[in-house]
């Protein structure tokens, strides 16, 4: 390993401090989510569960998800620019396997479960089918939070005690090779994330015009909105200058689209197209608002 590329002691201390803060954020966030979910299981939060679900979503997004991604970056820096490496010691290999397991669980199960809970509770739990799905998401989130908390506890234990001694593993990865492989992947990932975020923010900040319902006659009006690569269609029924029903028409099949349809009840309740989007399905909710606006402006 090229010693000229290693971080000096002061930089390593700063990196370690940042790493420990991120570990505390992820582990603390998981414990907080787990505690709230266990309290919900006892039935103490009855009625409107949305404030609790929104809190869980915020903790997951900022305290767990984003902190975990930055934590992975600091771990990569540790592997590249310090003496520890990636496969030099067996306990480090195990830590990377645990990190990979957490990454898969977070993106394939934990994240969708937390987001699904917030979306359904924001839209309302009146529909018995959605309530059943909500409880399924809640149970999944509880299991995933427990698993990830255990994984984090094991990782912390490994980092402190460094089991199996410091026996080296045969075959080392060259530092420059790692940089040449990892750095382009990080740049591509960051670029894709930034581009996607800008695109989504344009949709989420899309203006929704006001409609004067007193000038709209009774009838069923159809509207659509092209957002991104999809066209969203709705039918809006008006009676006595009030919106009484909204339905999606021939739209793509998506779980987030189903959640976003909860915005229809918000529009009917507030009698305007520009309402708060459904949490966890903000982009699709905004598309439906624009489609309703289109229908009413015909």
Protein backbone atom coordinates (compact mmCIF):
# COMPACT_ATOMS: atom_id res chain seq x y z
CA UNK A 1 0.00 0.00 0.00
CA UNK A 2 1.30 3.44 -0.96
CA UNK A 3 1.93 5.20 2.36
CA UNK A 4 1.77 8.59 0.62
CA UNK A 5 -1.94 8.00 0.07
CA UNK A 6 -2.67 7.19 3.72
CA UNK A 7 -4.48 9.72 5.91
CA UNK A 8 -2.37 11.31 8.61
CA UNK A 9 -3.26 10.79 12.29
CA UNK A 10 -5.31 13.99 12.63
CA UNK A 11 -7.38 13.23 9.55
CA UNK A 12 -7.92 9.68 10.77
CA UNK A 13 -9.20 11.02 14.10
CA UNK A 14 -11.67 13.29 12.30
CA UNK A 15 -12.78 10.41 10.09
CA UNK A 16 -13.22 8.17 13.12
CA UNK A 17 -15.26 10.83 14.94
CA UNK A 18 -17.54 11.26 11.92
CA UNK A 19 -17.83 7.49 11.56
CA UNK A 20 -18.82 7.07 15.22
CA UNK A 21 -21.42 9.86 15.00
CA UNK A 22 -22.98 8.17 11.96
CA UNK A 23 -22.98 4.80 13.74
CA UNK A 24 -24.74 6.42 16.70
CA UNK A 25 -27.28 8.02 14.35
CA UNK A 26 -28.10 4.76 12.57
CA UNK A 27 -28.22 2.63 15.71
CA UNK A 28 -30.14 5.26 17.69
CA UNK A 29 -32.58 5.74 14.81
CA UNK A 30 -33.23 2.00 14.60
CA UNK A 31 -33.83 1.76 18.36
CA UNK A 32 -36.22 4.75 18.20
CA UNK A 33 -38.18 3.23 15.29
CA UNK A 34 -38.27 -0.15 17.01
CA UNK A 35 -39.56 1.42 20.24
CA UNK A 36 -42.35 3.31 18.45
CA UNK A 37 -43.39 0.23 16.49
CA UNK A 38 -43.49 -1.87 19.68
CA UNK A 39 -45.65 0.79 21.34
CA UNK A 40 -47.99 0.74 18.34
CA UNK A 41 -48.26 -3.03 18.67
CA UNK A 42 -49.63 -2.56 22.20
CA UNK A 43 -52.52 -0.54 20.80
CA UNK A 44 -51.62 2.69 22.63
CA UNK A 45 -51.78 4.70 19.42
CA UNK A 46 -55.36 4.33 18.24
CA UNK A 47 -57.24 6.52 15.80
CA UNK A 48 -55.03 8.79 13.71
CA UNK A 49 -51.64 7.08 13.54
CA UNK A 50 -50.25 9.40 10.86
CA UNK A 51 -48.20 11.67 13.20
CA UNK A 52 -46.42 8.60 14.58
CA UNK A 53 -45.90 7.08 11.12
CA UNK A 54 -44.61 10.41 9.79
CA UNK A 55 -42.16 10.58 12.70
CA UNK A 56 -40.96 7.05 11.96
CA UNK A 57 -40.53 7.96 8.29
CA UNK A 58 -38.51 11.08 9.14
CA UNK A 59 -36.25 9.18 11.56
CA UNK A 60 -35.78 6.43 8.98
CA UNK A 61 -35.03 8.85 6.13
CA UNK A 62 -32.58 11.14 7.93
CA UNK A 63 -31.36 9.23 10.96
CA UNK A 64 -31.03 5.79 9.37
CA UNK A 65 -31.09 5.85 5.57
CA UNK A 66 -29.01 8.92 4.71
CA UNK A 67 -26.71 8.40 7.71
CA UNK A 68 -26.15 4.79 6.62
CA UNK A 69 -25.21 5.88 3.07
CA UNK A 70 -22.67 8.40 4.40
CA UNK A 71 -21.46 5.76 6.86
CA UNK A 72 -20.71 3.46 3.92
CA UNK A 73 -18.69 6.24 2.28
CA UNK A 74 -16.61 6.76 5.44
CA UNK A 75 -16.09 2.97 5.60
CA UNK A 76 -14.81 3.03 1.99
CA UNK A 77 -12.41 5.84 2.92
CA UNK A 78 -11.22 3.77 5.89
CA UNK A 79 -10.59 0.83 3.58
CA UNK A 80 -8.73 2.85 0.96
CA UNK A 81 -6.79 5.48 2.90
CA UNK A 82 -5.89 3.71 6.16
CA UNK A 83 -3.96 0.57 7.07
CA UNK A 84 -7.13 -1.49 7.65
CA UNK A 85 -7.95 -2.28 4.01
CA UNK A 86 -11.00 -4.23 2.83
CA UNK A 87 -10.00 -7.89 3.16
CA UNK A 88 -6.83 -7.65 5.22
CA UNK A 89 -8.55 -9.04 8.33
CA UNK A 90 -11.38 -11.55 8.60
CA UNK A 91 -13.40 -9.41 10.99
CA UNK A 92 -13.41 -6.59 8.41
CA UNK A 93 -14.73 -8.98 5.76
CA UNK A 94 -17.56 -9.96 8.12
CA UNK A 95 -18.38 -6.28 8.73
CA UNK A 96 -18.67 -5.66 4.99
CA UNK A 97 -20.99 -8.66 4.65
CA UNK A 98 -23.16 -7.24 7.44
CA UNK A 99 -23.19 -3.82 5.74
CA UNK A 100 -24.28 -5.48 2.48
CA UNK A 101 -27.05 -7.32 4.34
CA UNK A 102 -28.30 -4.05 5.86
CA UNK A 103 -28.21 -2.34 2.47
CA UNK A 104 -30.34 -5.08 0.89
CA UNK A 105 -32.82 -5.15 3.79
CA UNK A 106 -33.16 -1.35 3.82
CA UNK A 107 -33.84 -0.91 0.12
CA UNK A 108 -35.86 -4.05 -0.57
CA UNK A 109 -37.99 -4.28 2.57
CA UNK A 110 -37.52 -1.86 5.44
CA UNK A 111 -37.80 1.35 3.40
CA UNK A 112 -40.93 0.31 1.44
CA UNK A 113 -42.60 -0.88 4.66
CA UNK A 114 -42.01 2.43 6.49
CA UNK A 115 -43.04 4.45 3.44
CA UNK A 116 -46.13 2.30 2.91
CA UNK A 117 -47.27 2.82 6.51
CA UNK A 118 -46.98 6.61 6.21
CA UNK A 119 -48.75 6.68 2.83
CA UNK A 120 -51.72 4.59 3.94
CA UNK A 121 -52.19 6.37 7.28
CA UNK A 122 -51.90 9.78 5.58
CA UNK A 123 -54.61 8.80 3.08
CA UNK A 124 -56.80 7.38 5.88
CA UNK A 125 -57.42 3.87 7.18
CA UNK A 126 -61.13 3.70 6.36
CA UNK A 127 -60.64 1.12 3.63
CA UNK A 128 -60.50 -2.33 5.27
CA UNK A 129 -58.24 -3.72 2.53
CA UNK A 130 -55.73 -0.90 2.99
CA UNK A 131 -55.91 -1.32 6.77
CA UNK A 132 -54.92 -4.96 6.37
CA UNK A 133 -52.03 -3.89 4.13
CA UNK A 134 -51.07 -1.22 6.66
CA UNK A 135 -50.83 -3.80 9.47
CA UNK A 136 -48.74 -6.03 7.20
CA UNK A 137 -46.33 -3.16 6.56
CA UNK A 138 -46.21 -2.41 10.29
CA UNK A 139 -45.28 -6.01 11.12
CA UNK A 140 -42.62 -6.08 8.38
CA UNK A 141 -41.14 -2.77 9.59
CA UNK A 142 -40.95 -4.15 13.13
CA UNK A 143 -39.11 -7.29 11.98
CA UNK A 144 -36.73 -5.38 9.71
CA UNK A 145 -35.96 -2.77 12.40
CA UNK A 146 -35.15 -5.54 14.88
CA UNK A 147 -32.92 -7.37 12.39
CA UNK A 148 -31.02 -4.21 11.45
CA UNK A 149 -30.59 -3.21 15.12
CA UNK A 150 -29.10 -6.66 15.82
CA UNK A 151 -26.79 -6.35 12.79
CA UNK A 152 -25.62 -2.93 13.98
CA UNK A 153 -25.00 -4.29 17.50
CA UNK A 154 -22.92 -7.15 16.06
CA UNK A 155 -20.96 -4.70 13.87
CA UNK A 156 -20.22 -2.48 16.86
CA UNK A 157 -19.10 -5.53 18.87
CA UNK A 158 -16.79 -6.62 16.03
CA UNK A 159 -15.32 -3.11 15.70
CA UNK A 160 -14.54 -2.91 19.42
CA UNK A 161 -13.17 -6.39 20.08
CA UNK A 162 -11.80 -7.29 16.61
CA UNK A 163 -12.27 -11.05 17.03
CA UNK A 164 -10.03 -13.74 15.50
CA UNK A 165 -6.95 -11.68 16.29
CA UNK A 166 -5.33 -9.84 13.43
CA UNK A 167 -4.47 -12.78 11.24
CA UNK A 168 -3.98 -11.53 7.69
CA UNK A 169 -5.91 -12.97 4.77
CA UNK A 170 -3.96 -14.04 1.71
CA UNK A 171 -4.41 -11.90 -1.35
CA UNK A 172 -4.54 -8.15 -0.93
CA UNK A 173 -6.41 -5.62 -3.03
CA UNK A 174 -4.13 -2.96 -4.44
CA UNK A 175 -5.03 0.52 -3.28
CA UNK A 176 -4.90 2.10 -6.74
CA UNK A 177 -7.03 -0.71 -8.18
CA UNK A 178 -9.72 -0.09 -5.56
CA UNK A 179 -9.70 3.65 -6.25
CA UNK A 180 -9.99 3.09 -10.01
CA UNK A 181 -12.97 0.76 -9.52
CA UNK A 182 -14.81 2.42 -6.62
CA UNK A 183 -14.40 6.12 -7.48
CA UNK A 184 -16.21 5.93 -10.89
CA UNK A 185 -19.03 3.97 -9.25
CA UNK A 186 -19.41 6.62 -6.55
CA UNK A 187 -19.38 9.43 -9.13
CA UNK A 188 -22.01 7.66 -11.27
CA UNK A 189 -24.17 6.95 -8.20
CA UNK A 190 -23.99 10.53 -6.92
CA UNK A 191 -24.67 11.91 -10.42
CA UNK A 192 -27.71 9.69 -10.86
CA UNK A 193 -29.03 10.60 -7.42
CA UNK A 194 -28.62 14.35 -7.99
CA UNK A 195 -30.25 14.16 -11.44
CA UNK A 196 -33.16 12.10 -10.12
CA UNK A 197 -33.64 14.43 -7.14
CA UNK A 198 -33.75 17.52 -9.39
CA UNK A 199 -36.30 15.83 -11.66
CA UNK A 200 -38.51 14.77 -8.74
CA UNK A 201 -38.34 18.20 -7.11
CA UNK A 202 -39.58 19.82 -10.34
CA UNK A 203 -42.62 17.56 -10.23
CA UNK A 204 -43.21 18.03 -6.50
CA UNK A 205 -43.04 21.82 -6.87
CA UNK A 206 -45.31 21.82 -9.91
CA UNK A 207 -47.99 24.55 -9.46
CA UNK A 208 -51.62 23.43 -9.21
CA UNK A 209 -54.12 26.06 -10.32
CA UNK A 210 -57.31 26.96 -8.45
CA UNK A 211 -60.71 26.12 -9.95
CA UNK A 212 -63.99 27.99 -9.34
CA UNK A 213 -66.46 25.19 -8.67
CA UNK A 214 -69.43 27.59 -8.73
CA UNK A 215 -68.98 27.84 -12.51
CA UNK A 216 -68.87 24.10 -13.14
CA UNK A 217 -72.09 22.31 -14.07
CA UNK A 218 -73.06 18.84 -12.86
CA UNK A 219 -71.36 16.04 -14.74
CA UNK A 220 -68.38 13.73 -15.01
CA UNK A 221 -65.20 15.31 -16.34
CA UNK A 222 -62.08 13.51 -17.50
CA UNK A 223 -58.61 14.95 -17.27
CA UNK A 224 -55.03 13.83 -17.59
CA UNK A 225 -51.52 14.98 -16.77
CA UNK A 226 -48.26 13.84 -18.33
CA UNK A 227 -45.66 13.68 -15.61
CA UNK A 228 -42.29 12.17 -16.42
CA UNK A 229 -42.80 9.23 -18.76
CA UNK A 230 -46.36 8.47 -17.60
CA UNK A 231 -49.79 9.91 -18.33
CA UNK A 232 -52.15 9.96 -15.35
CA UNK A 233 -55.91 9.98 -16.05
CA UNK A 234 -58.84 10.71 -13.74
CA UNK A 235 -62.62 11.07 -13.84
CA UNK A 236 -64.08 13.75 -11.60
CA UNK A 237 -67.80 13.84 -10.77
CA UNK A 238 -69.34 17.21 -9.85
CA UNK A 239 -72.81 17.68 -8.37
CA UNK A 240 -74.32 20.90 -7.03
CA UNK A 241 -70.98 22.61 -7.63
CA UNK A 242 -69.18 20.15 -5.39
CA UNK A 243 -66.68 17.40 -6.17
CA UNK A 244 -68.37 14.19 -4.99
CA UNK A 245 -66.17 11.48 -6.53
CA UNK A 246 -62.79 11.00 -8.22
CA UNK A 247 -61.49 7.83 -9.86
CA UNK A 248 -58.23 6.92 -11.58
CA UNK A 249 -58.67 5.68 -15.15
CA UNK A 250 -56.44 3.21 -17.03
CA UNK A 251 -53.37 4.14 -15.04
CA UNK A 252 -50.21 2.07 -14.66
CA UNK A 253 -50.09 -0.59 -11.98
CA UNK A 254 -47.98 0.52 -9.04
CA UNK A 255 -48.21 0.23 -5.28
CA UNK A 256 -47.29 3.93 -4.97
CA UNK A 257 -50.07 4.82 -7.40
CA UNK A 258 -52.53 3.01 -5.13
CA UNK A 259 -51.27 4.99 -2.14
CA UNK A 260 -51.37 8.24 -4.11
CA UNK A 261 -55.06 7.72 -4.88
CA UNK A 262 -55.61 8.64 -1.23
CA UNK A 263 -55.20 12.24 -2.41
CA UNK A 264 -58.66 11.95 -4.00
CA UNK A 265 -60.27 11.93 -0.54
CA UNK A 266 -58.26 15.00 0.42
CA UNK A 267 -59.44 16.84 -2.70
CA UNK A 268 -63.08 15.89 -2.04
CA UNK A 269 -62.79 16.96 1.59
CA UNK A 270 -61.18 20.32 0.82
CA UNK A 271 -63.00 20.88 -2.52
CA UNK A 272 -59.88 22.02 -4.32
CA UNK A 273 -57.18 20.40 -6.42
CA UNK A 274 -54.19 21.88 -4.59
CA UNK A 275 -54.00 19.85 -1.38
CA UNK A 276 -51.20 18.26 0.63
CA UNK A 277 -49.66 15.30 -1.21
CA UNK A 278 -49.84 11.82 0.27
CA UNK A 279 -46.70 11.17 2.29
CA UNK A 280 -44.47 8.57 0.65
CA UNK A 281 -46.21 9.02 -2.71
CA UNK A 282 -45.64 12.75 -3.22
CA UNK A 283 -44.76 12.68 -6.91
CA UNK A 284 -47.72 10.55 -8.00
CA UNK A 285 -50.07 12.55 -5.75
CA UNK A 286 -48.95 15.72 -7.50
CA UNK A 287 -49.63 14.10 -10.89
CA UNK A 288 -53.17 13.23 -9.80
CA UNK A 289 -53.75 16.79 -8.57
CA UNK A 290 -52.69 18.12 -11.96
CA UNK A 291 -55.01 15.63 -13.71
CA UNK A 292 -57.94 16.73 -11.50
CA UNK A 293 -57.14 20.37 -12.29
CA UNK A 294 -57.13 19.49 -16.00
CA UNK A 295 -60.52 17.78 -15.70
CA UNK A 296 -62.15 20.69 -13.87
CA UNK A 297 -60.72 23.33 -16.19
CA UNK A 298 -62.34 21.83 -19.26
